[in-house]
């Protein structure tokens, strides 16, 4: 299942503090801020979630898949995302089916790994 922008708006609206239009505006403005920062080459850090950044890729040799002819691909910029440790732990916990303690068999958090309850 894919989470869409409409799904996010519905979840924000379901919290009951904003109207549907206000929730849509808040989600849209948040995404616009992220896009704008990335377009200027800035990094975007959301604590407990991850960091988006823009990386420059150098010119490289490639090959036309239809003809097999070699060609030079121009330099370009790409957006990268690096998830936080909290998000990684949450995803791993879901894969293992153990809630919020990914490495613990008895349900307690392992020593040295603190997952703050306010994040997820």
Protein backbone atom coordinates (compact mmCIF):
# COMPACT_ATOMS: atom_id res chain seq x y z
CA UNK A 1 0.00 0.00 0.00
CA UNK A 2 1.25 3.45 -0.88
CA UNK A 3 0.76 6.40 1.45
CA UNK A 4 -0.38 9.37 -0.65
CA UNK A 5 -0.54 13.08 0.09
CA UNK A 6 -4.33 12.72 0.45
CA UNK A 7 -3.77 9.99 3.06
CA UNK A 8 -1.46 12.28 5.02
CA UNK A 9 -4.03 15.11 4.87
CA UNK A 10 -6.71 12.70 6.10
CA UNK A 11 -4.49 11.60 9.01
CA UNK A 12 -3.78 15.23 9.99
CA UNK A 13 -7.49 16.04 9.73
CA UNK A 14 -8.36 12.98 11.85
CA UNK A 15 -6.39 14.47 14.74
CA UNK A 16 -9.35 16.86 15.08
CA UNK A 17 -7.49 20.13 15.51
CA UNK A 18 -7.67 21.41 11.93
CA UNK A 19 -10.35 21.59 9.29
CA UNK A 20 -9.84 19.52 6.16
CA UNK A 21 -8.78 22.63 4.21
CA UNK A 22 -6.36 23.71 6.95
CA UNK A 23 -4.89 20.20 7.09
CA UNK A 24 -4.42 20.19 3.30
CA UNK A 25 -2.77 23.62 3.44
CA UNK A 26 -0.47 22.57 6.29
CA UNK A 27 0.68 19.41 4.49
CA UNK A 28 1.10 21.25 1.19
CA UNK A 29 3.08 24.08 2.82
CA UNK A 30 5.34 21.62 4.63
CA UNK A 31 6.13 19.82 1.38
CA UNK A 32 6.68 23.14 -0.41
CA UNK A 33 9.19 24.19 2.26
CA UNK A 34 11.10 20.93 1.78
CA UNK A 35 11.09 21.28 -2.02
CA UNK A 36 12.17 24.93 -1.84
CA UNK A 37 15.06 24.21 0.52
CA UNK A 38 16.26 21.32 -1.66
CA UNK A 39 16.03 23.45 -4.81
CA UNK A 40 18.48 25.90 -3.18
CA UNK A 41 20.83 23.04 -2.31
CA UNK A 42 20.09 23.12 1.41
CA UNK A 43 19.73 20.03 3.58
CA UNK A 44 16.41 19.24 5.25
CA UNK A 45 16.59 17.47 8.61
CA UNK A 46 13.49 16.11 10.34
CA UNK A 47 14.52 14.82 13.76
CA UNK A 48 13.51 11.22 14.31
CA UNK A 49 12.79 10.74 10.60
CA UNK A 50 15.78 11.52 8.42
CA UNK A 51 17.68 13.96 6.26
CA UNK A 52 17.25 14.93 2.62
CA UNK A 53 20.18 16.45 0.78
CA UNK A 54 21.21 17.30 -2.77
CA UNK A 55 24.25 15.54 -4.20
CA UNK A 56 26.06 16.31 -7.42
CA UNK A 57 26.85 13.42 -9.73
CA UNK A 58 29.75 13.73 -12.13
CA UNK A 59 29.65 13.26 -15.88
CA UNK A 60 29.87 9.58 -16.77
CA UNK A 61 29.92 7.20 -19.67
CA UNK A 62 26.73 5.39 -20.52
CA UNK A 63 25.18 3.33 -23.25
CA UNK A 64 22.00 3.78 -25.28
CA UNK A 65 19.91 0.73 -24.32
CA UNK A 66 18.18 0.55 -27.73
CA UNK A 67 21.23 0.79 -29.98
CA UNK A 68 24.09 -0.05 -27.63
CA UNK A 69 25.96 3.08 -28.74
CA UNK A 70 28.18 4.65 -26.06
CA UNK A 71 27.37 8.18 -24.93
CA UNK A 72 28.36 10.68 -22.25
CA UNK A 73 25.77 11.44 -19.58
CA UNK A 74 26.00 15.03 -18.34
CA UNK A 75 26.57 15.95 -14.69
CA UNK A 76 23.40 16.22 -12.64
CA UNK A 77 22.04 16.79 -9.17
CA UNK A 78 20.09 14.13 -7.28
CA UNK A 79 18.11 14.21 -4.05
CA UNK A 80 19.18 11.64 -1.47
CA UNK A 81 17.46 10.58 1.74
CA UNK A 82 19.21 9.19 4.79
CA UNK A 83 16.84 7.77 7.42
CA UNK A 84 17.46 8.42 11.11
CA UNK A 85 18.40 5.66 13.53
CA UNK A 86 14.92 5.96 15.05
CA UNK A 87 13.27 5.33 11.68
CA UNK A 88 15.64 2.47 10.89
CA UNK A 89 14.84 0.85 14.25
CA UNK A 90 11.10 1.28 13.66
CA UNK A 91 11.31 -0.36 10.22
CA UNK A 92 13.43 -3.22 11.56
CA UNK A 93 11.01 -3.73 14.45
CA UNK A 94 8.13 -3.99 11.99
CA UNK A 95 10.07 -6.55 9.96
CA UNK A 96 10.81 -8.62 13.03
CA UNK A 97 7.34 -8.09 14.53
CA UNK A 98 8.69 -7.01 17.92
CA UNK A 99 7.17 -3.54 18.40
CA UNK A 100 9.71 -0.84 19.30
CA UNK A 101 12.58 -3.04 20.53
CA UNK A 102 14.21 -4.48 17.42
CA UNK A 103 17.04 -6.45 19.04
CA UNK A 104 15.41 -7.68 22.22
CA UNK A 105 13.81 -11.10 22.62
CA UNK A 106 12.18 -10.33 25.98
CA UNK A 107 10.53 -7.03 24.93
CA UNK A 108 12.96 -4.75 26.77
CA UNK A 109 15.13 -2.27 24.94
CA UNK A 110 18.74 -3.37 24.53
CA UNK A 111 21.44 -1.48 26.41
CA UNK A 112 22.71 1.57 24.57
CA UNK A 113 19.70 1.87 22.27
CA UNK A 114 17.19 4.44 23.41
CA UNK A 115 14.06 4.99 21.35
CA UNK A 116 12.21 7.96 22.69
CA UNK A 117 8.44 7.41 22.80
CA UNK A 118 7.62 10.84 21.36
CA UNK A 119 8.91 9.96 17.90
CA UNK A 120 6.57 7.13 16.87
